[in-house]
Amino acid sequence: MVLQFIISCLYFFLPAYFTNMSAPIAKRLGILNFLDKAVDSNKKFFGQPILGFHKTWRGVIFGTITGMIIALFQSFLYRLSFFQKISLLNYRKINIFYFGFLISFGAILGDLFFAFIKRRLKMEPGAKFLPFDQTNYVISDALILTPIFKIDISVWILLFFLTLLLHIIVNYLGYWLGVSKNKW
């Protein structure tokens, strides 16, 4: 029962996870280079960048599209009984494009909001900001999705801690495999 709940939560949040991973992948692959422009147009707020040069329209648009595609794929998989059992949502009864957009764009908004906070604290892009760098999109999606889709708070609490743990594991793996420059 507990294992199924964990799997269900992780499965539910897949669009956000893919959204979060997509910006660096798009940059590395050189996808949508014409959108490699800062969201904040390199403007300053009280002498500090609003978000920073590394928050680009490529990441916003590619991330949103990626997450929406994953949500659409989940909707397709919902036809199979296994995926019905592990799904927190009835994908037949929701507007999948609306859900896909909200969970993806919500993840991006969380990232942008905490980038804004980090710049106010005069932290450089990439500087550690535990636990928010790893969980900002869980927090923002909880605030956006809960009132609309009635997601239980226990889902968000579990996702907060699982996401933090998974982030640490994946980053260490990436570092040891030579894919990432940072352990964290």
Protein backbone atom coordinates (compact mmCIF):
# COMPACT_ATOMS: atom_id res chain seq x y z
CA MET A 1 0.00 0.00 0.00
CA VAL A 2 2.78 2.46 0.93
CA LEU A 3 4.85 1.45 -2.10
CA GLN A 4 1.86 1.95 -4.40
CA PHE A 5 1.28 5.42 -2.90
CA ILE A 6 4.92 6.34 -3.53
CA ILE A 7 4.72 5.07 -7.13
CA SER A 8 1.42 6.91 -7.64
CA CYS A 9 2.88 10.19 -6.40
CA LEU A 10 5.98 9.87 -8.56
CA TYR A 11 3.89 8.93 -11.59
CA PHE A 12 1.54 11.87 -11.03
CA PHE A 13 4.50 14.27 -10.90
CA LEU A 14 6.30 12.95 -14.01
CA PRO A 15 5.30 15.93 -16.18
CA ALA A 16 6.90 18.31 -13.66
CA TYR A 17 10.04 16.17 -13.39
CA PHE A 18 10.44 16.17 -17.16
CA THR A 19 9.74 19.89 -17.30
CA ASN A 20 12.47 20.49 -14.73
CA MET A 21 15.00 18.35 -16.62
CA SER A 22 14.22 19.67 -20.09
CA ALA A 23 15.86 23.12 -20.04
CA PRO A 24 19.45 21.90 -19.54
CA ILE A 25 18.85 19.10 -22.04
CA ALA A 26 17.53 21.57 -24.63
CA LYS A 27 20.57 23.78 -24.09
CA ARG A 28 23.00 20.88 -24.38
CA LEU A 29 21.32 19.63 -27.58
CA GLY A 30 21.11 23.12 -29.06
CA ILE A 31 17.33 22.95 -29.45
CA LEU A 32 15.43 26.22 -30.00
CA ASN A 33 18.58 28.33 -29.86
CA PHE A 34 16.66 31.35 -31.14
CA LEU A 35 14.82 31.33 -27.80
CA ASP A 36 18.04 31.45 -25.79
CA LYS A 37 17.16 34.89 -24.48
CA ALA A 38 16.83 35.84 -20.82
CA VAL A 39 13.25 35.91 -19.54
CA ASP A 40 14.04 39.10 -17.63
CA SER A 41 15.71 40.71 -20.69
CA ASN A 42 18.81 41.13 -18.49
CA LYS A 43 17.06 43.85 -16.50
CA LYS A 44 18.01 44.68 -12.93
CA PHE A 45 15.94 45.14 -9.79
CA PHE A 46 17.65 47.17 -7.06
CA GLY A 47 21.01 46.55 -8.70
CA GLN A 48 20.62 42.77 -9.01
CA PRO A 49 19.40 40.74 -11.99
CA ILE A 50 15.67 40.06 -11.77
CA LEU A 51 16.12 36.35 -12.54
CA GLY A 52 19.49 36.00 -14.23
CA PHE A 53 20.77 35.33 -17.73
CA HIS A 54 20.38 31.57 -17.31
CA LYS A 55 16.56 31.67 -17.09
CA THR A 56 15.64 31.69 -20.76
CA TRP A 57 12.59 31.59 -22.96
CA ARG A 58 13.95 28.34 -24.40
CA GLY A 59 13.66 26.73 -20.96
CA VAL A 60 10.18 28.14 -20.33
CA ILE A 61 8.74 27.10 -23.69
CA PHE A 62 10.57 23.79 -24.13
CA GLY A 63 9.86 22.82 -20.51
CA THR A 64 6.17 23.58 -20.82
CA ILE A 65 5.85 21.64 -24.07
CA THR A 66 7.81 18.69 -22.68
CA GLY A 67 5.65 18.46 -19.57
CA MET A 68 2.47 18.70 -21.63
CA ILE A 69 3.65 15.86 -23.85
CA ILE A 70 4.33 13.68 -20.79
CA ALA A 71 0.86 14.46 -19.40
CA LEU A 72 -0.68 13.58 -22.76
CA PHE A 73 1.26 10.31 -22.74
CA GLN A 74 -0.05 9.58 -19.23
CA SER A 75 -3.56 10.17 -20.52
CA PHE A 76 -2.94 7.63 -23.27
CA LEU A 77 -1.52 5.10 -20.77
CA TYR A 78 -4.59 5.51 -18.56
CA ARG A 79 -6.37 3.08 -20.91
CA LEU A 80 -4.34 0.28 -19.32
CA SER A 81 -5.50 -1.08 -15.96
CA PHE A 82 -2.04 -0.87 -14.37
CA PHE A 83 -1.89 2.88 -14.98
CA GLN A 84 -5.46 3.35 -13.76
CA LYS A 85 -4.44 1.70 -10.49
CA ILE A 86 -1.42 3.94 -9.92
CA SER A 87 -2.97 7.20 -11.16
CA LEU A 88 -3.98 9.85 -8.66
CA LEU A 89 -6.15 11.47 -11.31
CA ASN A 90 -8.78 10.06 -13.61
CA TYR A 91 -7.24 11.17 -16.89
CA ARG A 92 -10.55 10.54 -18.69
CA LYS A 93 -12.34 13.14 -16.59
CA ILE A 94 -9.85 16.00 -16.72
CA ASN A 95 -8.82 18.32 -19.51
CA ILE A 96 -5.38 16.85 -20.09
CA PHE A 97 -4.08 19.92 -21.93
CA TYR A 98 -5.13 22.15 -19.04
CA PHE A 99 -3.56 19.79 -16.49
CA GLY A 100 -0.40 19.37 -18.60
CA PHE A 101 -0.02 23.12 -18.96
CA LEU A 102 -0.64 23.83 -15.28
CA ILE A 103 1.74 21.20 -13.89
CA SER A 104 4.47 22.16 -16.38
CA PHE A 105 4.15 25.92 -16.23
CA GLY A 106 3.67 25.71 -12.46
CA ALA A 107 7.01 23.91 -12.20
CA ILE A 108 8.64 26.66 -14.24
CA LEU A 109 7.04 29.41 -12.15
CA GLY A 110 8.47 27.83 -9.01
CA ASP A 111 11.92 27.80 -10.55
CA LEU A 112 11.61 31.43 -11.67
CA PHE A 113 10.24 32.58 -8.31
CA PHE A 114 13.10 31.03 -6.36
CA ALA A 115 15.61 32.40 -8.89
CA PHE A 116 14.13 35.81 -8.10
CA ILE A 117 14.54 35.14 -4.36
CA LYS A 118 18.15 33.97 -4.84
CA ARG A 119 19.01 37.14 -6.75
CA ARG A 120 17.52 39.25 -3.91
CA LEU A 121 19.77 37.35 -1.51
CA LYS A 122 22.69 38.12 -3.88
CA MET A 123 23.24 34.44 -4.59
CA GLU A 124 24.84 33.48 -7.89
CA PRO A 125 23.11 31.14 -10.34
CA GLY A 126 23.95 27.59 -9.33
CA ALA A 127 24.65 28.52 -5.70
CA LYS A 128 23.16 26.06 -3.21
CA PHE A 129 19.82 27.11 -1.80
CA LEU A 130 18.66 24.06 0.14
CA PRO A 131 16.03 22.72 -0.07
CA PHE A 132 14.41 25.13 -2.52
CA ASP A 133 16.62 24.56 -5.56
CA GLN A 134 15.58 20.93 -5.48
CA THR A 135 11.92 21.36 -4.53
CA ASN A 136 10.77 24.75 -5.81
CA TYR A 137 8.56 23.16 -8.43
CA VAL A 138 6.87 20.88 -5.88
CA ILE A 139 5.94 23.92 -3.81
CA SER A 140 4.60 25.93 -6.75
CA ASP A 141 2.67 23.01 -8.22
CA ALA A 142 1.13 22.29 -4.81
CA LEU A 143 -0.13 25.87 -4.64
CA ILE A 144 -1.46 25.82 -8.21
CA LEU A 145 -2.86 22.29 -8.57
CA THR A 146 -4.35 21.59 -5.13
CA PRO A 147 -7.32 23.95 -5.39
CA ILE A 148 -8.15 22.82 -8.94
CA PHE A 149 -7.56 19.06 -8.80
CA LYS A 150 -8.06 18.51 -5.03
CA ILE A 151 -4.68 16.83 -4.50
CA ASP A 152 -4.24 15.70 -0.89
CA ILE A 153 -1.54 17.41 1.18
CA SER A 154 0.08 14.01 1.89
CA VAL A 155 0.94 13.76 -1.82
CA TRP A 156 2.79 17.07 -1.70
CA ILE A 157 4.63 16.28 1.52
CA LEU A 158 5.83 12.96 0.12
CA LEU A 159 6.78 14.56 -3.20
CA PHE A 160 8.72 17.29 -1.39
CA PHE A 161 10.93 14.78 0.43
CA LEU A 162 11.18 12.28 -2.44
CA THR A 163 12.12 15.03 -4.88
CA LEU A 164 14.83 16.30 -2.55
CA LEU A 165 16.23 12.79 -2.16
CA LEU A 166 15.99 11.98 -5.87
CA HIS A 167 17.68 15.25 -6.77
CA ILE A 168 20.65 14.44 -4.59
CA ILE A 169 20.95 10.89 -5.93
CA VAL A 170 20.61 11.90 -9.59
CA ASN A 171 23.13 14.74 -9.25
CA TYR A 172 25.72 12.53 -7.58
CA LEU A 173 25.21 9.92 -10.28
CA GLY A 174 25.56 12.57 -12.99
CA TYR A 175 28.75 13.85 -11.40
CA TRP A 176 30.29 10.40 -11.10
CA LEU A 177 29.32 9.59 -14.70
CA GLY A 178 30.90 12.82 -15.90
CA VAL A 179 27.62 14.29 -17.14
CA SER A 180 27.44 17.04 -14.53
CA LYS A 181 30.13 19.41 -13.26
CA ASN A 182 28.62 19.68 -9.79
CA LYS A 183 27.93 17.00 -7.20
CA TRP A 184 24.90 18.91 -6.03
